[in-house]
N, C-alpha and C. Protein backbone atom coordinates (compact mmCIF):
# COMPACT_ATOMS: atom_id res chain seq x y z
N MET A 1 -26.32 20.57 12.64
CA MET A 1 -25.13 21.40 12.63
C MET A 1 -23.91 20.67 12.08
N GLU A 2 -23.83 19.36 12.31
CA GLU A 2 -22.69 18.58 11.84
C GLU A 2 -22.65 18.51 10.31
N THR A 3 -23.79 18.39 9.67
CA THR A 3 -23.86 18.35 8.21
C THR A 3 -23.40 19.67 7.62
N ARG A 4 -23.74 20.76 8.28
CA ARG A 4 -23.32 22.08 7.80
C ARG A 4 -21.80 22.21 7.83
N ASN A 5 -21.16 21.70 8.86
CA ASN A 5 -19.70 21.75 8.97
C ASN A 5 -19.06 20.95 7.83
N LYS A 6 -19.62 19.80 7.52
CA LYS A 6 -19.09 18.99 6.42
C LYS A 6 -19.24 19.73 5.09
N LEU A 7 -20.35 20.42 4.91
CA LEU A 7 -20.57 21.16 3.68
C LEU A 7 -19.60 22.34 3.54
N LEU A 8 -19.11 22.86 4.64
CA LEU A 8 -18.14 23.94 4.59
C LEU A 8 -16.72 23.41 4.40
N VAL A 9 -16.41 22.27 4.98
CA VAL A 9 -15.05 21.72 4.94
C VAL A 9 -14.73 21.13 3.56
N MET A 10 -15.66 20.47 2.94
CA MET A 10 -15.41 19.80 1.66
C MET A 10 -14.96 20.76 0.56
N PRO A 11 -15.62 21.89 0.32
CA PRO A 11 -15.12 22.80 -0.72
C PRO A 11 -13.76 23.40 -0.38
N ILE A 12 -13.53 23.68 0.89
CA ILE A 12 -12.22 24.22 1.29
C ILE A 12 -11.14 23.18 1.05
N LEU A 13 -11.41 21.93 1.37
CA LEU A 13 -10.45 20.85 1.13
C LEU A 13 -10.20 20.68 -0.37
N ALA A 14 -11.25 20.75 -1.16
CA ALA A 14 -11.10 20.62 -2.61
C ALA A 14 -10.25 21.75 -3.18
N ILE A 15 -10.45 22.96 -2.72
CA ILE A 15 -9.65 24.10 -3.18
C ILE A 15 -8.19 23.90 -2.80
N PHE A 16 -7.93 23.41 -1.59
CA PHE A 16 -6.56 23.16 -1.13
C PHE A 16 -5.88 22.11 -2.01
N VAL A 17 -6.58 21.04 -2.33
CA VAL A 17 -6.00 19.97 -3.15
C VAL A 17 -5.70 20.49 -4.56
N ILE A 18 -6.60 21.24 -5.13
CA ILE A 18 -6.39 21.79 -6.48
C ILE A 18 -5.20 22.76 -6.47
N ALA A 19 -5.09 23.58 -5.43
CA ALA A 19 -3.97 24.51 -5.32
C ALA A 19 -2.65 23.75 -5.18
N ALA A 20 -2.64 22.68 -4.38
CA ALA A 20 -1.43 21.88 -4.21
C ALA A 20 -1.02 21.23 -5.52
N MET A 21 -1.97 20.74 -6.29
CA MET A 21 -1.66 20.14 -7.58
C MET A 21 -1.10 21.18 -8.54
N GLY A 22 -1.61 22.40 -8.49
CA GLY A 22 -1.11 23.47 -9.34
C GLY A 22 0.31 23.85 -8.99
N VAL A 23 0.60 23.93 -7.70
CA VAL A 23 1.96 24.24 -7.27
C VAL A 23 2.91 23.14 -7.70
N TYR A 24 2.51 21.88 -7.55
CA TYR A 24 3.35 20.76 -7.99
C TYR A 24 3.61 20.85 -9.49
N TYR A 25 2.58 21.11 -10.26
CA TYR A 25 2.73 21.19 -11.72
C TYR A 25 3.67 22.33 -12.12
N LEU A 26 3.56 23.47 -11.47
CA LEU A 26 4.38 24.63 -11.83
C LEU A 26 5.83 24.51 -11.38
N THR A 27 6.09 23.72 -10.36
CA THR A 27 7.45 23.62 -9.83
C THR A 27 8.19 22.37 -10.30
N THR A 28 7.53 21.47 -10.98
CA THR A 28 8.17 20.25 -11.48
C THR A 28 8.86 20.56 -12.80
N PRO A 29 10.16 20.29 -12.90
CA PRO A 29 10.86 20.56 -14.15
C PRO A 29 10.34 19.65 -15.27
N THR A 30 10.27 20.20 -16.46
CA THR A 30 9.77 19.42 -17.59
C THR A 30 10.88 19.01 -18.53
N GLY A 31 12.05 19.59 -18.38
CA GLY A 31 13.16 19.27 -19.27
C GLY A 31 13.83 17.97 -18.88
N GLY A 32 14.94 17.69 -19.56
CA GLY A 32 15.70 16.50 -19.25
C GLY A 32 16.36 16.60 -17.89
N LYS A 33 16.58 15.46 -17.31
CA LYS A 33 17.21 15.43 -16.00
C LYS A 33 18.71 15.31 -16.17
N GLU A 34 19.41 16.28 -15.64
CA GLU A 34 20.87 16.29 -15.77
C GLU A 34 21.47 17.01 -14.58
N ILE A 35 22.59 16.50 -14.10
CA ILE A 35 23.34 17.12 -13.02
C ILE A 35 24.71 17.48 -13.55
N LEU A 36 25.14 18.69 -13.24
CA LEU A 36 26.47 19.15 -13.62
C LEU A 36 27.24 19.43 -12.33
N ILE A 37 28.38 18.78 -12.17
CA ILE A 37 29.19 18.93 -10.97
C ILE A 37 30.43 19.75 -11.32
N TYR A 38 30.66 20.81 -10.56
CA TYR A 38 31.87 21.61 -10.69
C TYR A 38 32.82 21.20 -9.57
N THR A 39 34.04 20.87 -9.90
CA THR A 39 35.00 20.47 -8.89
C THR A 39 36.38 21.01 -9.22
N SER A 40 37.17 21.25 -8.19
CA SER A 40 38.55 21.67 -8.40
C SER A 40 39.52 20.67 -7.80
N ASP A 41 38.98 19.57 -7.31
CA ASP A 41 39.80 18.54 -6.68
C ASP A 41 40.16 17.49 -7.72
N SER A 42 41.45 17.37 -8.03
CA SER A 42 41.87 16.43 -9.06
C SER A 42 41.72 14.98 -8.60
N GLY A 43 41.66 14.73 -7.32
CA GLY A 43 41.52 13.37 -6.83
C GLY A 43 40.11 12.82 -6.95
N ILE A 44 39.14 13.67 -7.17
CA ILE A 44 37.76 13.22 -7.23
C ILE A 44 37.39 12.63 -8.59
N GLU A 45 38.21 12.87 -9.59
CA GLU A 45 37.91 12.39 -10.94
C GLU A 45 37.75 10.87 -10.98
N LEU A 46 38.60 10.13 -10.33
CA LEU A 46 38.50 8.66 -10.32
C LEU A 46 37.22 8.20 -9.64
N MET A 47 36.85 8.86 -8.55
CA MET A 47 35.61 8.51 -7.86
C MET A 47 34.39 8.80 -8.73
N LEU A 48 34.40 9.94 -9.40
CA LEU A 48 33.29 10.31 -10.28
C LEU A 48 33.16 9.33 -11.44
N GLU A 49 34.26 8.97 -12.04
CA GLU A 49 34.22 8.03 -13.17
C GLU A 49 33.71 6.66 -12.74
N ALA A 50 33.92 6.30 -11.48
CA ALA A 50 33.45 5.00 -10.99
C ALA A 50 31.98 5.03 -10.60
N THR A 51 31.49 6.16 -10.11
CA THR A 51 30.12 6.19 -9.58
C THR A 51 29.08 6.75 -10.55
N ILE A 52 29.49 7.59 -11.48
CA ILE A 52 28.51 8.20 -12.40
C ILE A 52 27.75 7.17 -13.22
N PRO A 53 28.39 6.16 -13.82
CA PRO A 53 27.61 5.18 -14.59
C PRO A 53 26.58 4.43 -13.74
N ALA A 54 26.95 4.09 -12.52
CA ALA A 54 26.00 3.37 -11.64
C ALA A 54 24.83 4.28 -11.26
N PHE A 55 25.12 5.54 -10.96
CA PHE A 55 24.06 6.49 -10.62
C PHE A 55 23.11 6.70 -11.79
N THR A 56 23.67 6.88 -12.98
CA THR A 56 22.85 7.10 -14.18
C THR A 56 22.00 5.87 -14.49
N ALA A 57 22.58 4.69 -14.33
CA ALA A 57 21.82 3.46 -14.59
C ALA A 57 20.66 3.30 -13.61
N LYS A 58 20.86 3.69 -12.38
CA LYS A 58 19.83 3.52 -11.36
C LYS A 58 18.74 4.58 -11.44
N THR A 59 19.12 5.84 -11.72
CA THR A 59 18.15 6.93 -11.67
C THR A 59 17.71 7.45 -13.03
N GLY A 60 18.51 7.20 -14.07
CA GLY A 60 18.21 7.75 -15.38
C GLY A 60 18.63 9.21 -15.53
N ILE A 61 19.32 9.74 -14.53
CA ILE A 61 19.77 11.12 -14.55
C ILE A 61 21.20 11.18 -15.07
N LYS A 62 21.42 11.98 -16.11
CA LYS A 62 22.74 12.12 -16.70
C LYS A 62 23.60 13.02 -15.81
N VAL A 63 24.84 12.63 -15.58
CA VAL A 63 25.75 13.40 -14.75
C VAL A 63 27.01 13.71 -15.55
N SER A 64 27.44 14.95 -15.49
CA SER A 64 28.71 15.34 -16.09
C SER A 64 29.43 16.24 -15.09
N TYR A 65 30.74 16.34 -15.24
CA TYR A 65 31.50 17.18 -14.32
C TYR A 65 32.48 18.05 -15.08
N VAL A 66 32.80 19.19 -14.45
CA VAL A 66 33.68 20.17 -15.03
C VAL A 66 34.75 20.51 -14.00
N CYS A 67 35.99 20.54 -14.48
CA CYS A 67 37.11 20.95 -13.63
C CYS A 67 37.65 22.27 -14.16
N PRO A 68 37.60 23.32 -13.37
CA PRO A 68 38.11 24.59 -13.88
C PRO A 68 39.62 24.57 -14.08
N ASP A 69 40.07 25.25 -15.07
CA ASP A 69 41.52 25.35 -15.38
C ASP A 69 42.17 24.01 -15.57
N SER A 70 41.43 23.03 -16.03
CA SER A 70 41.96 21.68 -16.30
C SER A 70 42.68 21.09 -15.10
N SER A 71 42.12 21.28 -13.91
CA SER A 71 42.76 20.74 -12.70
C SER A 71 42.52 19.25 -12.54
N CYS A 72 41.60 18.70 -13.25
CA CYS A 72 41.32 17.25 -13.13
C CYS A 72 42.15 16.46 -14.12
């Protein structure tokens, strides 16, 4: 009886793994990595200019920011 249980569990486990890999493949972005920050706080510009290069160097993700109505 124990061998029969293993024979039932293995295909179910294989189907689960294949489904999980498919979900990962379909939900992983394929384009370039980029973050766009929208801010209306003029004081944050100095902080962003100081931290964005370090973040980009460490992660490889490009960061840009936009201030509406030229508030920055």
